[in-house]
Amino acid sequence: MTTIKINEHTKTGKAFMAMFEAFFKGVEGIEIVEDDYNQVNEEQSPYNPEFVKMVLKAKERGDYKEIDPKDVWGSLGLK
């Protein structure tokens, strides 16, 4: 099974869906399964919603420390 994500809100996505339906409607083995894009992303998010809220609040307050991924220990002052 192969999954293809198509943003039906874009011009290209609309054109692709129109072409797909014209060529493959009623063909055995191919079906369109509709999902709400935002709902799918929320369900598959690896992050705890409480953690996300905490991070966003800290960002608004400016109460956070940026870490350089190339020098993590130095960014934390532990070098």
PDB file of N, CA and C in Angstrom:
ATOM      1  N   MET A   1       0.845  -1.176   0.000  1.00  0.00           N
ATOM      2  CA  MET A   1       0.000   0.000   0.000  1.00  0.00           C
ATOM      3  C   MET A   1       0.890   1.237   0.000  1.00  0.00           C
ATOM      4  N   THR A   2       0.515   2.229  -0.765  1.00  0.00           N
ATOM      5  CA  THR A   2       1.232   3.491  -0.849  1.00  0.00           C
ATOM      6  C   THR A   2       0.295   4.617  -0.450  1.00  0.00           C
ATOM      7  N   THR A   3       0.814   5.563   0.316  1.00  0.00           N
ATOM      8  CA  THR A   3       0.020   6.717   0.728  1.00  0.00           C
ATOM      9  C   THR A   3       0.560   7.954   0.035  1.00  0.00           C
ATOM     10  N   ILE A   4      -0.325   8.738  -0.529  1.00  0.00           N
ATOM     11  CA  ILE A   4       0.047   9.993  -1.175  1.00  0.00           C
ATOM     12  C   ILE A   4      -0.735  11.105  -0.505  1.00  0.00           C
ATOM     13  N   LYS A   5      -0.045  12.118  -0.006  1.00  0.00           N
ATOM     14  CA  LYS A   5      -0.726  13.266   0.594  1.00  0.00           C
ATOM     15  C   LYS A   5      -0.877  14.354  -0.458  1.00  0.00           C
ATOM     16  N   ILE A   6      -2.082  14.866  -0.584  1.00  0.00           N
ATOM     17  CA  ILE A   6      -2.363  15.909  -1.566  1.00  0.00           C
ATOM     18  C   ILE A   6      -3.091  17.043  -0.861  1.00  0.00           C
ATOM     19  N   ASN A   7      -2.564  18.237  -0.982  1.00  0.00           N
ATOM     20  CA  ASN A   7      -3.226  19.406  -0.406  1.00  0.00           C
ATOM     21  C   ASN A   7      -4.255  19.884  -1.424  1.00  0.00           C
ATOM     22  N   GLU A   8      -5.506  19.576  -1.153  1.00  0.00           N
ATOM     23  CA  GLU A   8      -6.575  19.915  -2.093  1.00  0.00           C
ATOM     24  C   GLU A   8      -6.920  21.402  -2.099  1.00  0.00           C
ATOM     25  N   HIS A   9      -6.250  22.183  -1.273  1.00  0.00           N
ATOM     26  CA  HIS A   9      -6.498  23.626  -1.236  1.00  0.00           C
ATOM     27  C   HIS A   9      -5.618  24.382  -2.233  1.00  0.00           C
ATOM     28  N   THR A  10      -4.635  23.685  -2.820  1.00  0.00           N
ATOM     29  CA  THR A  10      -3.752  24.341  -3.781  1.00  0.00           C
ATOM     30  C   THR A  10      -4.255  24.088  -5.206  1.00  0.00           C
ATOM     31  N   LYS A  11      -3.800  24.918  -6.110  1.00  0.00           N
ATOM     32  CA  LYS A  11      -4.179  24.781  -7.513  1.00  0.00           C
ATOM     33  C   LYS A  11      -3.708  23.427  -8.059  1.00  0.00           C
ATOM     34  N   THR A  12      -2.477  23.065  -7.738  1.00  0.00           N
ATOM     35  CA  THR A  12      -1.913  21.802  -8.210  1.00  0.00           C
ATOM     36  C   THR A  12      -2.656  20.614  -7.607  1.00  0.00           C
ATOM     37  N   GLY A  13      -2.976  20.706  -6.327  1.00  0.00           N
ATOM     38  CA  GLY A  13      -3.708  19.624  -5.665  1.00  0.00           C
ATOM     39  C   GLY A  13      -5.081  19.416  -6.272  1.00  0.00           C
ATOM     40  N   LYS A  14      -5.775  20.507  -6.556  1.00  0.00           N
ATOM     41  CA  LYS A  14      -7.096  20.407  -7.178  1.00  0.00           C
ATOM     42  C   LYS A  14      -6.994  19.772  -8.563  1.00  0.00           C
ATOM     43  N   ALA A  15      -5.993  20.179  -9.322  1.00  0.00           N
ATOM     44  CA  ALA A  15      -5.807  19.632 -10.666  1.00  0.00           C
ATOM     45  C   ALA A  15      -5.480  18.143 -10.593  1.00  0.00           C
ATOM     46  N   PHE A  16      -4.643  17.761  -9.652  1.00  0.00           N
ATOM     47  CA  PHE A  16      -4.275  16.350  -9.509  1.00  0.00           C
ATOM     48  C   PHE A  16      -5.503  15.512  -9.159  1.00  0.00           C
ATOM     49  N   MET A  17      -6.314  15.994  -8.212  1.00  0.00           N
ATOM     50  CA  MET A  17      -7.497  15.242  -7.800  1.00  0.00           C
ATOM     51  C   MET A  17      -8.483  15.112  -8.958  1.00  0.00           C
ATOM     52  N   ALA A  18      -8.652  16.150  -9.748  1.00  0.00           N
ATOM     53  CA  ALA A  18      -9.556  16.088 -10.904  1.00  0.00           C
ATOM     54  C   ALA A  18      -9.058  15.051 -11.912  1.00  0.00           C
ATOM     55  N   MET A  19      -7.752  15.053 -12.171  1.00  0.00           N
ATOM     56  CA  MET A  19      -7.171  14.088 -13.109  1.00  0.00           C
ATOM     57  C   MET A  19      -7.297  12.673 -12.550  1.00  0.00           C
ATOM     58  N   PHE A  20      -7.002  12.513 -11.265  1.00  0.00           N
ATOM     59  CA  PHE A  20      -7.062  11.202 -10.636  1.00  0.00           C
ATOM     60  C   PHE A  20      -8.471  10.617 -10.722  1.00  0.00           C
ATOM     61  N   GLU A  21      -9.461  11.437 -10.382  1.00  0.00           N
ATOM     62  CA  GLU A  21     -10.851  10.966 -10.425  1.00  0.00           C
ATOM     63  C   GLU A  21     -11.281  10.632 -11.843  1.00  0.00           C
ATOM     64  N   ALA A  22     -10.811  11.397 -12.827  1.00  0.00           N
ATOM     65  CA  ALA A  22     -11.185  11.146 -14.220  1.00  0.00           C
ATOM     66  C   ALA A  22     -10.594   9.826 -14.724  1.00  0.00           C
ATOM     67  N   PHE A  23      -9.342   9.531 -14.349  1.00  0.00           N
ATOM     68  CA  PHE A  23      -8.681   8.343 -14.867  1.00  0.00           C
ATOM     69  C   PHE A  23      -8.936   7.077 -14.050  1.00  0.00           C
ATOM     70  N   PHE A  24      -9.090   7.211 -12.748  1.00  0.00           N
ATOM     71  CA  PHE A  24      -9.105   6.028 -11.903  1.00  0.00           C
ATOM     72  C   PHE A  24     -10.407   5.765 -11.150  1.00  0.00           C
ATOM     73  N   LYS A  25     -11.445   6.517 -11.421  1.00  0.00           N
ATOM     74  CA  LYS A  25     -12.717   6.307 -10.729  1.00  0.00           C
ATOM     75  C   LYS A  25     -13.276   4.938 -11.113  1.00  0.00           C
ATOM     76  N   GLY A  26     -13.572   4.122 -10.096  1.00  0.00           N
ATOM     77  CA  GLY A  26     -14.135   2.805 -10.337  1.00  0.00           C
ATOM     78  C   GLY A  26     -13.119   1.725 -10.658  1.00  0.00           C
ATOM     79  N   VAL A  27     -11.833   2.046 -10.662  1.00  0.00           N
ATOM     80  CA  VAL A  27     -10.802   1.049 -10.936  1.00  0.00           C
ATOM     81  C   VAL A  27     -10.566   0.237  -9.671  1.00  0.00           C
ATOM     82  N   GLU A  28     -10.571  -1.080  -9.798  1.00  0.00           N
ATOM     83  CA  GLU A  28     -10.381  -1.960  -8.649  1.00  0.00           C
ATOM     84  C   GLU A  28      -8.951  -1.847  -8.128  1.00  0.00           C
ATOM     85  N   GLY A  29      -8.814  -1.745  -6.828  1.00  0.00           N
ATOM     86  CA  GLY A  29      -7.495  -1.678  -6.204  1.00  0.00           C
ATOM     87  C   GLY A  29      -7.030  -0.263  -5.921  1.00  0.00           C
ATOM     88  N   ILE A  30      -7.776   0.739  -6.379  1.00  0.00           N
ATOM     89  CA  ILE A  30      -7.410   2.134  -6.127  1.00  0.00           C
ATOM     90  C   ILE A  30      -8.619   2.829  -5.511  1.00  0.00           C
ATOM     91  N   GLU A  31      -8.422   3.450  -4.375  1.00  0.00           N
ATOM     92  CA  GLU A  31      -9.516   4.180  -3.751  1.00  0.00           C
ATOM     93  C   GLU A  31      -8.996   5.455  -3.100  1.00  0.00           C
ATOM     94  N   ILE A  32      -9.877   6.413  -2.983  1.00  0.00           N
ATOM     95  CA  ILE A  32      -9.561   7.663  -2.307  1.00  0.00           C
ATOM     96  C   ILE A  32     -10.127   7.575  -0.899  1.00  0.00           C
ATOM     97  N   VAL A  33      -9.253   7.700   0.080  1.00  0.00           N
ATOM     98  CA  VAL A  33      -9.668   7.700   1.472  1.00  0.00           C
ATOM     99  C   VAL A  33      -9.477   9.115   1.971  1.00  0.00           C
ATOM    100  N   GLU A  34     -10.570   9.770   2.341  1.00  0.00           N
ATOM    101  CA  GLU A  34     -10.490  11.169   2.742  1.00  0.00           C
ATOM    102  C   GLU A  34     -10.264  11.289   4.239  1.00  0.00           C
ATOM    103  N   ASP A  35      -9.351  12.157   4.600  1.00  0.00           N
ATOM    104  CA  ASP A  35      -9.056  12.482   5.995  1.00  0.00           C
ATOM    105  C   ASP A  35      -8.917  13.976   6.125  1.00  0.00           C
ATOM    106  N   ASP A  36      -9.262  14.481   7.285  1.00  0.00           N
ATOM    107  CA  ASP A  36      -9.020  15.887   7.577  1.00  0.00           C
ATOM    108  C   ASP A  36      -7.537  16.032   7.866  1.00  0.00           C
ATOM    109  N   TYR A  37      -6.822  16.829   7.087  1.00  0.00           N
ATOM    110  CA  TYR A  37      -5.364  16.947   7.202  1.00  0.00           C
ATOM    111  C   TYR A  37      -4.940  17.339   8.611  1.00  0.00           C
ATOM    112  N   ASN A  38      -5.594  18.324   9.207  1.00  0.00           N
ATOM    113  CA  ASN A  38      -5.200  18.767  10.546  1.00  0.00           C
ATOM    114  C   ASN A  38      -5.443  17.687  11.586  1.00  0.00           C
ATOM    115  N   GLN A  39      -6.538  16.972  11.458  1.00  0.00           N
ATOM    116  CA  GLN A  39      -6.852  15.922  12.407  1.00  0.00           C
ATOM    117  C   GLN A  39      -5.788  14.828  12.346  1.00  0.00           C
ATOM    118  N   VAL A  40      -5.353  14.450  11.156  1.00  0.00           N
ATOM    119  CA  VAL A  40      -4.337  13.416  11.006  1.00  0.00           C
ATOM    120  C   VAL A  40      -3.044  13.858  11.677  1.00  0.00           C
ATOM    121  N   ASN A  41      -2.637  15.104  11.451  1.00  0.00           N
ATOM    122  CA  ASN A  41      -1.396  15.582  12.053  1.00  0.00           C
ATOM    123  C   ASN A  41      -1.472  15.616  13.568  1.00  0.00           C
ATOM    124  N   GLU A  42      -2.609  16.020  14.121  1.00  0.00           N
ATOM    125  CA  GLU A  42      -2.744  16.083  15.568  1.00  0.00           C
ATOM    126  C   GLU A  42      -2.650  14.696  16.177  1.00  0.00           C
ATOM    127  N   GLU A  43      -3.259  13.705  15.548  1.00  0.00           N
ATOM    128  CA  GLU A  43      -3.232  12.349  16.080  1.00  0.00           C
ATOM    129  C   GLU A  43      -1.837  11.759  16.020  1.00  0.00           C
ATOM    130  N   GLN A  44      -1.049  12.092  15.016  1.00  0.00           N
ATOM    131  CA  GLN A  44       0.253  11.493  14.835  1.00  0.00           C
ATOM    132  C   GLN A  44       1.380  12.294  15.468  1.00  0.00           C
ATOM    133  N   SER A  45       1.068  13.384  16.119  1.00  0.00           N
ATOM    134  CA  SER A  45       2.104  14.218  16.711  1.00  0.00           C
ATOM    135  C   SER A  45       2.828  13.461  17.812  1.00  0.00           C
ATOM    136  N   PRO A  46       4.160  13.452  17.775  1.00  0.00           N
ATOM    137  CA  PRO A  46       4.914  12.749  18.822  1.00  0.00           C
ATOM    138  C   PRO A  46       5.039  13.577  20.094  1.00  0.00           C
ATOM    139  N   TYR A  47       4.553  14.804  20.087  1.00  0.00           N
ATOM    140  CA  TYR A  47       4.730  15.700  21.220  1.00  0.00           C
ATOM    141  C   TYR A  47       3.500  15.733  22.124  1.00  0.00           C
ATOM    142  N   ASN A  48       3.736  15.772  23.399  1.00  0.00           N
ATOM    143  CA  ASN A  48       2.678  15.911  24.386  1.00  0.00           C
ATOM    144  C   ASN A  48       2.104  17.323  24.272  1.00  0.00           C
ATOM    145  N   PRO A  49       0.784  17.475  24.165  1.00  0.00           N
ATOM    146  CA  PRO A  49       0.178  18.802  24.010  1.00  0.00           C
ATOM    147  C   PRO A  49       0.530  19.764  25.148  1.00  0.00           C
ATOM    148  N   GLU A  50       0.679  19.251  26.366  1.00  0.00           N
ATOM    149  CA  GLU A  50       1.056  20.099  27.502  1.00  0.00           C
ATOM    150  C   GLU A  50       2.470  20.639  27.316  1.00  0.00           C
ATOM    151  N   PHE A  51       3.365  19.802  26.794  1.00  0.00           N
ATOM    152  CA  PHE A  51       4.736  20.226  26.529  1.00  0.00           C
ATOM    153  C   PHE A  51       4.759  21.322  25.465  1.00  0.00           C
ATOM    154  N   VAL A  52       3.951  21.156  24.428  1.00  0.00           N
ATOM    155  CA  VAL A  52       3.887  22.160  23.359  1.00  0.00           C
ATOM    156  C   VAL A  52       3.403  23.491  23.924  1.00  0.00           C
ATOM    157  N   LYS A  53       2.356  23.459  24.764  1.00  0.00           N
ATOM    158  CA  LYS A  53       1.855  24.694  25.379  1.00  0.00           C
ATOM    159  C   LYS A  53       2.937  25.363  26.208  1.00  0.00           C
ATOM    160  N   MET A  54       3.680  24.569  26.992  1.00  0.00           N
ATOM    161  CA  MET A  54       4.739  25.106  27.833  1.00  0.00           C
ATOM    162  C   MET A  54       5.822  25.804  26.988  1.00  0.00           C
ATOM    163  N   VAL A  55       6.217  25.157  25.901  1.00  0.00           N
ATOM    164  CA  VAL A  55       7.247  25.722  25.029  1.00  0.00           C
ATOM    165  C   VAL A  55       6.761  27.016  24.380  1.00  0.00           C
ATOM    166  N   LEU A  56       5.517  27.031  23.899  1.00  0.00           N
ATOM    167  CA  LEU A  56       4.980  28.232  23.256  1.00  0.00           C
ATOM    168  C   LEU A  56       4.847  29.392  24.244  1.00  0.00           C
ATOM    169  N   LYS A  57       4.456  29.099  25.481  1.00  0.00           N
ATOM    170  CA  LYS A  57       4.364  30.148  26.500  1.00  0.00           C
ATOM    171  C   LYS A  57       5.747  30.711  26.818  1.00  0.00           C
ATOM    172  N   ALA A  58       6.745  29.842  26.931  1.00  0.00           N
ATOM    173  CA  ALA A  58       8.113  30.295  27.204  1.00  0.00           C
ATOM    174  C   ALA A  58       8.616  31.170  26.056  1.00  0.00           C
ATOM    175  N   LYS A  59       8.264  30.810  24.841  1.00  0.00           N
ATOM    176  CA  LYS A  59       8.677  31.606  23.685  1.00  0.00           C
ATOM    177  C   LYS A  59       8.067  33.001  23.747  1.00  0.00           C
ATOM    178  N   GLU A  60       6.779  33.080  24.110  1.00  0.00           N
ATOM    179  CA  GLU A  60       6.109  34.383  24.219  1.00  0.00           C
ATOM    180  C   GLU A  60       6.761  35.253  25.295  1.00  0.00           C
ATOM    181  N   ARG A  61       7.135  34.651  26.412  1.00  0.00           N
ATOM    182  CA  ARG A  61       7.735  35.402  27.519  1.00  0.00           C
ATOM    183  C   ARG A  61       9.200  35.740  27.242  1.00  0.00           C
ATOM    184  N   GLY A  62       9.808  35.030  26.329  1.00  0.00           N
ATOM    185  CA  GLY A  62      11.237  35.206  26.094  1.00  0.00           C
ATOM    186  C   GLY A  62      12.045  34.479  27.155  1.00  0.00           C
ATOM    187  N   ASP A  63      11.399  33.574  27.867  1.00  0.00           N
ATOM    188  CA  ASP A  63      11.990  32.851  28.981  1.00  0.00           C
ATOM    189  C   ASP A  63      12.512  31.488  28.502  1.00  0.00           C
ATOM    190  N   TYR A  64      13.516  31.532  27.648  1.00  0.00           N
ATOM    191  CA  TYR A  64      14.073  30.291  27.127  1.00  0.00           C
ATOM    192  C   TYR A  64      15.529  30.513  26.748  1.00  0.00           C
ATOM    193  N   LYS A  65      16.240  29.443  26.497  1.00  0.00           N
ATOM    194  CA  LYS A  65      17.643  29.524  26.122  1.00  0.00           C
ATOM    195  C   LYS A  65      17.821  28.798  24.796  1.00  0.00           C
ATOM    196  N   GLU A  66      18.407  29.481  23.821  1.00  0.00           N
ATOM    197  CA  GLU A  66      18.648  28.854  22.535  1.00  0.00           C
ATOM    198  C   GLU A  66      19.922  28.017  22.613  1.00  0.00           C
ATOM    199  N   ILE A  67      19.843  26.831  22.025  1.00  0.00           N
ATOM    200  CA  ILE A  67      20.956  25.896  22.047  1.00  0.00           C
ATOM    201  C   ILE A  67      21.502  25.744  20.631  1.00  0.00           C
ATOM    202  N   ASP A  68      22.825  25.863  20.508  1.00  0.00           N
ATOM    203  CA  ASP A  68      23.483  25.644  19.222  1.00  0.00           C
ATOM    204  C   ASP A  68      23.694  24.143  19.070  1.00  0.00           C
ATOM    205  N   PRO A  69      23.060  23.498  18.069  1.00  0.00           N
ATOM    206  CA  PRO A  69      23.195  22.051  17.932  1.00  0.00           C
ATOM    207  C   PRO A  69      24.621  21.593  17.640  1.00  0.00           C
ATOM    208  N   LYS A  70      25.467  22.491  17.170  1.00  0.00           N
ATOM    209  CA  LYS A  70      26.860  22.131  16.896  1.00  0.00           C
ATOM    210  C   LYS A  70      27.728  22.231  18.145  1.00  0.00           C
ATOM    211  N   ASP A  71      27.229  22.924  19.183  1.00  0.00           N
ATOM    212  CA  ASP A  71      27.978  23.071  20.433  1.00  0.00           C
ATOM    213  C   ASP A  71      26.995  23.103  21.609  1.00  0.00           C
ATOM    214  N   VAL A  72      26.361  21.976  21.864  1.00  0.00           N
ATOM    215  CA  VAL A  72      25.329  21.902  22.893  1.00  0.00           C
ATOM    216  C   VAL A  72      25.915  22.242  24.265  1.00  0.00           C
ATOM    217  N   TRP A  73      27.027  21.615  24.636  1.00  0.00           N
ATOM    218  CA  TRP A  73      27.606  21.839  25.966  1.00  0.00           C
ATOM    219  C   TRP A  73      28.046  23.290  26.140  1.00  0.00           C
ATOM    220  N   GLY A  74      28.639  23.872  25.102  1.00  0.00           N
ATOM    221  CA  GLY A  74      29.055  25.277  25.178  1.00  0.00           C
ATOM    222  C   GLY A  74      27.870  26.214  25.311  1.00  0.00           C
ATOM    223  N   SER A  75      26.763  25.915  24.610  1.00  0.00           N
ATOM    224  CA  SER A  75      25.547  26.735  24.704  1.00  0.00           C
ATOM    225  C   SER A  75      24.970  26.735  26.094  1.00  0.00           C
ATOM    226  N   LEU A  76      25.147  25.634  26.818  1.00  0.00           N
ATOM    227  CA  LEU A  76      24.615  25.522  28.165  1.00  0.00           C
ATOM    228  C   LEU A  76      25.610  26.023  29.220  1.00  0.00           C
ATOM    229  N   GLY A  77      26.805  26.433  28.772  1.00  0.00           N
ATOM    230  CA  GLY A  77      27.830  26.922  29.697  1.00  0.00           C
ATOM    231  C   GLY A  77      28.480  25.794  30.464  1.00  0.00           C
ATOM    232  N   LEU A  78      28.498  24.602  29.904  1.00  0.00           N
ATOM    233  CA  LEU A  78      29.051  23.441  30.598  1.00  0.00           C
ATOM    234  C   LEU A  78      30.354  22.941  29.993  1.00  0.00           C
ATOM    235  N   LYS A  79      30.980  23.756  29.193  1.00  0.00           N
ATOM    236  CA  LYS A  79      32.212  23.345  28.525  1.00  0.00           C
ATOM    237  C   LYS A  79      33.411  23.827  29.269  1.00  0.00           C
TER     238      LYS A  79
END
